[in-house]
Amino acid sequence: MPDVEILMTGDRAPVVAHPGDAGADLVASESVTIAPGERATVGTGLAIALPDGYAAFVLPRSGLAAKHGITVLNAPGTVDAGYRGEIRVTLLNTDAREPYSVAPGDRIAQLVIQRVERPMFIPVESLPGSHRGQAGFGSSGYRSEPSPSEGVL
């Protein structure tokens, strides 16, 4: 039994390929060829009505990325509960040499539905401290250090 019912219009409902998968496959509703290093926005023919308090996130498919260098440009793309238009996916061909062709019915992305919290932003003079503090990009380093249980040689 599904956790949430999503109303939809379109010819094909997104399909969860395997039990336990988080994402449902989005398929193309049109043909397009994406040249190396180029992008294209591809229609899915799908529109959904999310319940209040939910959002959908459009994510890349790992197989397309690994085998063909195809990714979702603005991943994750956010579909808000109030949006009722067609879900379109902006694909990027990161391959430097080979174009990639999409045909109607091809699986091009995955859609993950999540419950979202509504924040209340509260202005304060300063934020509470934390272990990380203001350290930003790259602050945790790039190589993992052995844990104490692994020992150091």
N, C-alpha and C. Protein backbone atom coordinates (compact mmCIF):
# COMPACT_ATOMS: atom_id res chain seq x y z
N MET A 1 0.85 -1.18 0.00
CA MET A 1 0.00 0.00 0.00
C MET A 1 0.89 1.24 0.00
N PRO A 2 0.61 2.20 -0.88
CA PRO A 2 1.44 3.41 -0.93
C PRO A 2 1.30 4.25 0.35
N ASP A 3 2.33 5.03 0.62
CA ASP A 3 2.32 5.91 1.78
C ASP A 3 1.52 7.19 1.52
N VAL A 4 1.46 7.60 0.24
CA VAL A 4 0.75 8.82 -0.13
C VAL A 4 0.20 8.64 -1.55
N GLU A 5 -0.99 9.14 -1.78
CA GLU A 5 -1.59 9.09 -3.11
C GLU A 5 -1.29 10.39 -3.84
N ILE A 6 -0.82 10.27 -5.09
CA ILE A 6 -0.47 11.42 -5.91
C ILE A 6 -1.39 11.42 -7.14
N LEU A 7 -2.19 12.46 -7.29
CA LEU A 7 -3.02 12.59 -8.47
C LEU A 7 -2.13 12.97 -9.65
N MET A 8 -2.43 12.44 -10.84
CA MET A 8 -1.58 12.70 -12.00
C MET A 8 -2.40 12.73 -13.28
N THR A 9 -1.87 13.44 -14.27
CA THR A 9 -2.37 13.37 -15.63
C THR A 9 -1.20 13.01 -16.52
N GLY A 10 -1.48 12.36 -17.61
CA GLY A 10 -0.45 11.93 -18.55
C GLY A 10 -0.69 10.50 -18.96
N ASP A 11 0.04 10.07 -19.96
CA ASP A 11 -0.16 8.73 -20.51
C ASP A 11 0.49 7.63 -19.68
N ARG A 12 1.56 7.97 -18.95
CA ARG A 12 2.30 6.94 -18.21
C ARG A 12 2.57 7.38 -16.79
N ALA A 13 2.16 6.57 -15.85
CA ALA A 13 2.47 6.85 -14.45
C ALA A 13 3.93 6.49 -14.19
N PRO A 14 4.63 7.26 -13.36
CA PRO A 14 5.98 6.86 -12.98
C PRO A 14 5.94 5.50 -12.31
N VAL A 15 6.94 4.68 -12.55
CA VAL A 15 6.97 3.31 -12.03
C VAL A 15 8.19 3.14 -11.13
N VAL A 16 7.97 2.54 -9.97
CA VAL A 16 9.06 2.15 -9.08
C VAL A 16 9.53 0.78 -9.57
N ALA A 17 10.79 0.68 -9.99
CA ALA A 17 11.29 -0.54 -10.64
C ALA A 17 11.39 -1.73 -9.70
N HIS A 18 11.84 -1.52 -8.48
CA HIS A 18 12.08 -2.62 -7.55
C HIS A 18 11.48 -2.29 -6.19
N PRO A 19 10.99 -3.31 -5.46
CA PRO A 19 10.49 -3.05 -4.11
C PRO A 19 11.58 -2.37 -3.27
N GLY A 20 11.19 -1.35 -2.55
CA GLY A 20 12.15 -0.65 -1.70
C GLY A 20 12.85 0.51 -2.37
N ASP A 21 12.72 0.67 -3.71
CA ASP A 21 13.34 1.81 -4.40
C ASP A 21 12.69 3.10 -3.93
N ALA A 22 13.48 4.14 -3.79
CA ALA A 22 12.96 5.44 -3.37
C ALA A 22 12.38 6.23 -4.54
N GLY A 23 12.95 6.06 -5.73
CA GLY A 23 12.54 6.85 -6.88
C GLY A 23 11.66 6.08 -7.85
N ALA A 24 10.77 6.81 -8.51
CA ALA A 24 9.95 6.26 -9.58
C ALA A 24 10.48 6.82 -10.89
N ASP A 25 10.56 5.99 -11.91
CA ASP A 25 11.14 6.39 -13.18
C ASP A 25 10.26 7.39 -13.92
N LEU A 26 10.89 8.46 -14.40
CA LEU A 26 10.25 9.41 -15.30
C LEU A 26 10.69 9.07 -16.71
N VAL A 27 9.76 9.06 -17.66
CA VAL A 27 10.09 8.72 -19.04
C VAL A 27 9.86 9.91 -19.95
N ALA A 28 10.62 9.94 -21.03
CA ALA A 28 10.51 11.02 -22.02
C ALA A 28 9.22 10.86 -22.82
N SER A 29 8.64 12.00 -23.17
CA SER A 29 7.46 11.99 -24.03
C SER A 29 7.80 12.51 -25.43
N GLU A 30 9.08 12.81 -25.66
CA GLU A 30 9.50 13.36 -26.93
C GLU A 30 10.91 12.90 -27.27
N SER A 31 11.28 13.04 -28.54
CA SER A 31 12.61 12.69 -29.02
C SER A 31 13.51 13.91 -28.98
N VAL A 32 14.75 13.70 -28.60
CA VAL A 32 15.74 14.78 -28.61
C VAL A 32 17.13 14.14 -28.67
N THR A 33 18.04 14.80 -29.35
CA THR A 33 19.44 14.38 -29.35
C THR A 33 20.23 15.48 -28.66
N ILE A 34 21.05 15.09 -27.69
CA ILE A 34 21.83 16.04 -26.90
C ILE A 34 23.29 15.90 -27.32
N ALA A 35 23.83 16.95 -27.92
CA ALA A 35 25.22 16.94 -28.38
C ALA A 35 26.16 16.93 -27.18
N PRO A 36 27.41 16.51 -27.39
CA PRO A 36 28.39 16.52 -26.30
C PRO A 36 28.49 17.90 -25.65
N GLY A 37 28.43 17.93 -24.34
CA GLY A 37 28.55 19.18 -23.59
C GLY A 37 27.31 20.06 -23.63
N GLU A 38 26.25 19.62 -24.28
CA GLU A 38 25.04 20.42 -24.41
C GLU A 38 23.96 19.93 -23.45
N ARG A 39 22.87 20.71 -23.37
CA ARG A 39 21.74 20.36 -22.51
C ARG A 39 20.46 20.48 -23.32
N ALA A 40 19.44 19.80 -22.84
CA ALA A 40 18.11 19.88 -23.46
C ALA A 40 17.07 19.64 -22.39
N THR A 41 15.97 20.36 -22.48
CA THR A 41 14.85 20.15 -21.57
C THR A 41 13.86 19.22 -22.26
N VAL A 42 13.58 18.10 -21.59
CA VAL A 42 12.79 17.02 -22.18
C VAL A 42 11.48 16.88 -21.43
N GLY A 43 10.39 16.84 -22.17
CA GLY A 43 9.08 16.67 -21.57
C GLY A 43 8.85 15.24 -21.13
N THR A 44 8.01 15.09 -20.11
CA THR A 44 7.63 13.76 -19.63
C THR A 44 6.15 13.48 -19.89
N GLY A 45 5.39 14.52 -20.24
CA GLY A 45 3.96 14.35 -20.42
C GLY A 45 3.20 14.13 -19.12
N LEU A 46 3.88 14.29 -18.00
CA LEU A 46 3.31 14.01 -16.68
C LEU A 46 3.12 15.30 -15.89
N ALA A 47 1.96 15.44 -15.30
CA ALA A 47 1.69 16.51 -14.34
C ALA A 47 1.12 15.85 -13.09
N ILE A 48 1.48 16.39 -11.92
CA ILE A 48 1.04 15.78 -10.67
C ILE A 48 0.45 16.85 -9.75
N ALA A 49 -0.35 16.40 -8.81
CA ALA A 49 -0.88 17.25 -7.75
C ALA A 49 -0.42 16.65 -6.43
N LEU A 50 0.58 17.26 -5.84
CA LEU A 50 1.10 16.78 -4.56
C LEU A 50 0.24 17.31 -3.42
N PRO A 51 0.04 16.52 -2.38
CA PRO A 51 -0.66 17.04 -1.21
C PRO A 51 0.17 18.13 -0.53
N ASP A 52 -0.50 19.03 0.15
CA ASP A 52 0.19 20.06 0.91
C ASP A 52 1.15 19.38 1.90
N GLY A 53 2.34 19.91 2.02
CA GLY A 53 3.33 19.33 2.93
C GLY A 53 4.25 18.33 2.26
N TYR A 54 4.14 18.17 0.94
CA TYR A 54 5.00 17.27 0.17
C TYR A 54 5.69 18.03 -0.95
N ALA A 55 6.81 17.50 -1.40
CA ALA A 55 7.50 18.00 -2.58
C ALA A 55 8.02 16.78 -3.34
N ALA A 56 8.24 16.96 -4.63
CA ALA A 56 8.85 15.90 -5.44
C ALA A 56 10.19 16.42 -5.91
N PHE A 57 11.16 15.52 -6.00
CA PHE A 57 12.51 15.88 -6.42
C PHE A 57 12.91 15.04 -7.63
N VAL A 58 13.33 15.72 -8.69
CA VAL A 58 13.75 15.06 -9.92
C VAL A 58 15.26 14.85 -9.82
N LEU A 59 15.66 13.57 -9.90
CA LEU A 59 17.06 13.19 -9.70
C LEU A 59 17.59 12.42 -10.91
N PRO A 60 18.91 12.44 -11.11
CA PRO A 60 19.50 11.68 -12.21
C PRO A 60 19.35 10.18 -12.00
N ARG A 61 19.46 9.43 -13.08
CA ARG A 61 19.51 7.97 -13.02
C ARG A 61 20.98 7.57 -13.04
N SER A 62 21.38 6.75 -12.12
CA SER A 62 22.80 6.39 -12.00
C SER A 62 23.32 5.67 -13.25
N GLY A 63 22.50 4.83 -13.86
CA GLY A 63 22.94 4.10 -15.06
C GLY A 63 23.21 5.03 -16.22
N LEU A 64 22.36 6.05 -16.42
CA LEU A 64 22.60 7.02 -17.50
C LEU A 64 23.87 7.80 -17.25
N ALA A 65 24.11 8.16 -16.00
CA ALA A 65 25.32 8.91 -15.67
C ALA A 65 26.57 8.07 -15.89
N ALA A 66 26.56 6.84 -15.39
CA ALA A 66 27.74 5.99 -15.47
C ALA A 66 28.03 5.53 -16.90
N LYS A 67 26.99 5.18 -17.65
CA LYS A 67 27.20 4.61 -18.99
C LYS A 67 27.28 5.65 -20.10
N HIS A 68 26.59 6.79 -19.92
CA HIS A 68 26.50 7.75 -21.02
C HIS A 68 26.87 9.19 -20.64
N GLY A 69 27.12 9.44 -19.35
CA GLY A 69 27.46 10.80 -18.92
C GLY A 69 26.27 11.73 -18.91
N ILE A 70 25.05 11.18 -18.81
CA ILE A 70 23.84 12.00 -18.81
C ILE A 70 23.40 12.24 -17.37
N THR A 71 23.21 13.52 -17.03
CA THR A 71 22.78 13.87 -15.68
C THR A 71 21.67 14.91 -15.75
N VAL A 72 21.03 15.17 -14.63
CA VAL A 72 20.02 16.22 -14.53
C VAL A 72 20.73 17.48 -14.10
N LEU A 73 20.61 18.51 -14.91
CA LEU A 73 21.40 19.73 -14.72
C LEU A 73 21.17 20.40 -13.37
N ASN A 74 19.95 20.58 -12.95
CA ASN A 74 19.68 21.28 -11.70
C ASN A 74 19.31 20.32 -10.58
N ALA A 75 19.93 19.16 -10.57
CA ALA A 75 19.56 18.13 -9.60
C ALA A 75 19.84 18.58 -8.17
N PRO A 76 18.92 18.35 -7.27
CA PRO A 76 17.58 17.87 -7.58
C PRO A 76 16.69 19.01 -8.03
N GLY A 77 15.90 18.73 -9.04
CA GLY A 77 14.88 19.68 -9.46
C GLY A 77 13.70 19.54 -8.51
N THR A 78 13.17 20.64 -8.04
CA THR A 78 12.10 20.61 -7.05
C THR A 78 10.74 20.86 -7.69
N VAL A 79 9.78 19.99 -7.41
CA VAL A 79 8.40 20.17 -7.82
C VAL A 79 7.62 20.48 -6.55
N ASP A 80 7.14 21.71 -6.45
CA ASP A 80 6.40 22.14 -5.26
C ASP A 80 4.96 21.63 -5.30
N ALA A 81 4.34 21.58 -4.13
CA ALA A 81 2.98 21.06 -4.02
C ALA A 81 1.98 21.87 -4.84
N GLY A 82 2.22 23.14 -5.05
CA GLY A 82 1.28 23.97 -5.79
C GLY A 82 1.46 23.94 -7.29
N TYR A 83 2.52 23.31 -7.80
CA TYR A 83 2.78 23.29 -9.25
C TYR A 83 1.89 22.26 -9.93
N ARG A 84 1.28 22.64 -11.05
CA ARG A 84 0.38 21.74 -11.77
C ARG A 84 0.79 21.53 -13.22
N GLY A 85 1.91 22.08 -13.64
CA GLY A 85 2.33 21.93 -15.03
C GLY A 85 3.06 20.62 -15.28
N GLU A 86 3.42 20.43 -16.54
CA GLU A 86 4.17 19.24 -16.94
C GLU A 86 5.54 19.22 -16.25
N ILE A 87 5.95 18.07 -15.80
CA ILE A 87 7.30 17.90 -15.27
C ILE A 87 8.23 17.74 -16.47
N ARG A 88 9.16 18.67 -16.60
CA ARG A 88 10.16 18.63 -17.66
C ARG A 88 11.52 18.48 -17.00
N VAL A 89 12.41 17.79 -17.68
CA VAL A 89 13.71 17.45 -17.10
C VAL A 89 14.82 18.03 -17.98
N THR A 90 15.69 18.84 -17.38
CA THR A 90 16.82 19.39 -18.13
C THR A 90 17.99 18.43 -17.99
N LEU A 91 18.29 17.76 -19.10
CA LEU A 91 19.39 16.78 -19.13
C LEU A 91 20.65 17.45 -19.67
N LEU A 92 21.79 17.04 -19.14
CA LEU A 92 23.10 17.53 -19.58
C LEU A 92 23.92 16.34 -20.04
N ASN A 93 24.48 16.43 -21.23
CA ASN A 93 25.37 15.39 -21.75
C ASN A 93 26.81 15.79 -21.41
N THR A 94 27.39 15.14 -20.40
CA THR A 94 28.75 15.47 -19.98
C THR A 94 29.81 14.74 -20.80
N ASP A 95 29.39 13.86 -21.70
CA ASP A 95 30.35 13.15 -22.55
C ASP A 95 30.98 14.16 -23.51
N ALA A 96 32.30 14.12 -23.66
CA ALA A 96 33.01 15.07 -24.51
C ALA A 96 32.95 14.70 -25.99
N ARG A 97 32.56 13.46 -26.32
CA ARG A 97 32.63 13.01 -27.71
C ARG A 97 31.32 12.53 -28.31
N GLU A 98 30.47 11.88 -27.54
CA GLU A 98 29.29 11.20 -28.09
C GLU A 98 27.99 11.94 -27.81
N PRO A 99 27.17 12.17 -28.85
CA PRO A 99 25.82 12.68 -28.60
C PRO A 99 24.98 11.59 -27.95
N TYR A 100 23.89 11.99 -27.32
CA TYR A 100 22.99 11.01 -26.70
C TYR A 100 21.58 11.29 -27.19
N SER A 101 20.92 10.25 -27.68
CA SER A 101 19.56 10.39 -28.19
C SER A 101 18.55 9.83 -27.21
N VAL A 102 17.50 10.59 -27.00
CA VAL A 102 16.39 10.21 -26.13
C VAL A 102 15.18 9.96 -27.03
N ALA A 103 14.48 8.87 -26.79
CA ALA A 103 13.26 8.54 -27.54
C ALA A 103 12.08 8.50 -26.58
N PRO A 104 10.87 8.72 -27.08
CA PRO A 104 9.70 8.61 -26.20
C PRO A 104 9.67 7.24 -25.51
N GLY A 105 9.42 7.27 -24.21
CA GLY A 105 9.40 6.04 -23.42
C GLY A 105 10.70 5.73 -22.72
N ASP A 106 11.80 6.42 -23.10
CA ASP A 106 13.09 6.20 -22.42
C ASP A 106 13.02 6.73 -21.00
N ARG A 107 13.58 5.99 -20.07
CA ARG A 107 13.68 6.45 -18.68
C ARG A 107 14.80 7.48 -18.61
N ILE A 108 14.46 8.69 -18.18
CA ILE A 108 15.44 9.79 -18.21
C ILE A 108 15.80 10.34 -16.84
N ALA A 109 14.99 10.08 -15.84
CA ALA A 109 15.25 10.61 -14.49
C ALA A 109 14.40 9.81 -13.52
N GLN A 110 14.53 10.14 -12.25
CA GLN A 110 13.67 9.51 -11.25
C GLN A 110 13.05 10.59 -10.37
N LEU A 111 11.87 10.28 -9.88
CA LEU A 111 11.10 11.22 -9.07
C LEU A 111 10.98 10.65 -7.66
N VAL A 112 11.43 11.43 -6.69
CA VAL A 112 11.34 11.03 -5.28
C VAL A 112 10.37 11.99 -4.60
N ILE A 113 9.38 11.42 -3.93
CA ILE A 113 8.37 12.20 -3.21
C ILE A 113 8.74 12.21 -1.73
N GLN A 114 8.77 13.40 -1.12
CA GLN A 114 9.12 13.48 0.30
C GLN A 114 8.21 14.46 1.01
N ARG A 115 7.96 14.14 2.26
CA ARG A 115 7.28 15.08 3.15
C ARG A 115 8.29 16.18 3.48
N VAL A 116 7.85 17.42 3.51
CA VAL A 116 8.75 18.53 3.80
C VAL A 116 8.21 19.34 4.98
N GLU A 117 9.12 19.84 5.75
CA GLU A 117 8.78 20.67 6.91
C GLU A 117 8.62 22.12 6.47
N ARG A 118 7.77 22.84 7.13
CA ARG A 118 7.63 24.28 6.90
C ARG A 118 8.39 25.00 7.99
N PRO A 119 9.47 25.66 7.63
CA PRO A 119 10.27 26.33 8.65
C PRO A 119 9.68 27.67 9.07
N MET A 120 9.98 28.03 10.28
CA MET A 120 9.70 29.38 10.75
C MET A 120 11.08 29.98 11.01
N PHE A 121 11.46 30.97 10.23
CA PHE A 121 12.77 31.60 10.38
C PHE A 121 12.66 32.67 11.45
N ILE A 122 13.53 32.56 12.47
CA ILE A 122 13.47 33.44 13.62
C ILE A 122 14.74 34.29 13.66
N PRO A 123 14.64 35.60 13.46
CA PRO A 123 15.82 36.46 13.52
C PRO A 123 16.41 36.48 14.94
N VAL A 124 17.73 36.34 15.04
CA VAL A 124 18.44 36.42 16.32
C VAL A 124 19.71 37.24 16.10
N GLU A 125 20.31 37.68 17.19
CA GLU A 125 21.56 38.46 17.12
C GLU A 125 22.74 37.59 16.70
N SER A 126 22.76 36.34 17.20
CA SER A 126 23.85 35.42 16.84
C SER A 126 23.32 34.00 16.94
N LEU A 127 24.00 33.10 16.26
CA LEU A 127 23.60 31.70 16.25
C LEU A 127 24.33 30.93 17.34
N PRO A 128 23.76 29.85 17.85
CA PRO A 128 24.47 29.04 18.83
C PRO A 128 25.71 28.40 18.17
N GLY A 129 26.71 28.12 18.97
CA GLY A 129 27.94 27.52 18.46
C GLY A 129 27.74 26.06 18.04
N SER A 130 28.70 25.56 17.29
CA SER A 130 28.70 24.16 16.91
C SER A 130 30.15 23.70 16.73
N HIS A 131 30.34 22.40 16.64
CA HIS A 131 31.68 21.87 16.44
C HIS A 131 32.29 22.36 15.13
N ARG A 132 31.50 22.43 14.09
CA ARG A 132 31.98 22.84 12.77
C ARG A 132 32.16 24.35 12.67
N GLY A 133 31.28 25.10 13.31
CA GLY A 133 31.37 26.55 13.23
C GLY A 133 31.08 27.06 11.83
N GLN A 134 31.88 28.00 11.35
CA GLN A 134 31.66 28.60 10.04
C GLN A 134 32.49 27.94 8.94
N ALA A 135 33.16 26.83 9.25
CA ALA A 135 33.98 26.16 8.24
C ALA A 135 33.08 25.70 7.10
N GLY A 136 33.48 26.00 5.86
CA GLY A 136 32.63 25.73 4.70
C GLY A 136 33.23 24.73 3.74
N PHE A 137 33.15 25.05 2.46
CA PHE A 137 33.58 24.15 1.38
C PHE A 137 34.97 23.58 1.64
N GLY A 138 35.07 22.24 1.61
CA GLY A 138 36.36 21.57 1.76
C GLY A 138 36.90 21.53 3.16
N SER A 139 36.15 22.01 4.14
CA SER A 139 36.69 22.11 5.50
C SER A 139 36.92 20.76 6.16
N SER A 140 36.27 19.72 5.67
CA SER A 140 36.49 18.40 6.29
C SER A 140 37.57 17.61 5.57
N GLY A 141 38.23 18.22 4.59
CA GLY A 141 39.33 17.56 3.89
C GLY A 141 38.82 16.68 2.76
N TYR A 142 39.78 16.03 2.09
CA TYR A 142 39.44 15.22 0.93
C TYR A 142 39.84 13.77 1.09
N ARG A 143 40.71 13.48 2.01
CA ARG A 143 41.12 12.11 2.25
C ARG A 143 40.63 11.70 3.62
N SER A 144 40.17 10.46 3.71
CA SER A 144 39.70 10.01 5.01
C SER A 144 40.89 9.59 5.87
N GLU A 145 40.78 9.88 7.12
CA GLU A 145 41.79 9.48 8.10
C GLU A 145 41.38 8.15 8.69
N PRO A 146 42.36 7.27 9.02
CA PRO A 146 41.97 6.01 9.66
C PRO A 146 41.29 6.28 11.00
N SER A 147 40.27 5.48 11.29
CA SER A 147 39.62 5.62 12.57
C SER A 147 40.53 5.03 13.65
N PRO A 148 40.34 5.41 14.92
CA PRO A 148 41.18 4.87 15.99
C PRO A 148 41.17 3.36 16.05
N SER A 149 40.05 2.72 15.66
CA SER A 149 39.97 1.27 15.71
C SER A 149 40.80 0.62 14.59
N GLU A 150 41.08 1.37 13.51
CA GLU A 150 41.89 0.81 12.41
C GLU A 150 43.37 0.84 12.73
N GLY A 151 43.74 1.72 13.63
CA GLY A 151 45.15 1.83 13.97
C GLY A 151 45.91 2.62 12.92
N VAL A 152 47.09 3.04 13.27
CA VAL A 152 47.95 3.79 12.35
C VAL A 152 49.22 3.01 12.19
N LEU A 153 49.62 2.79 10.97
CA LEU A 153 50.85 2.05 10.69
C LEU A 153 52.03 2.95 10.62
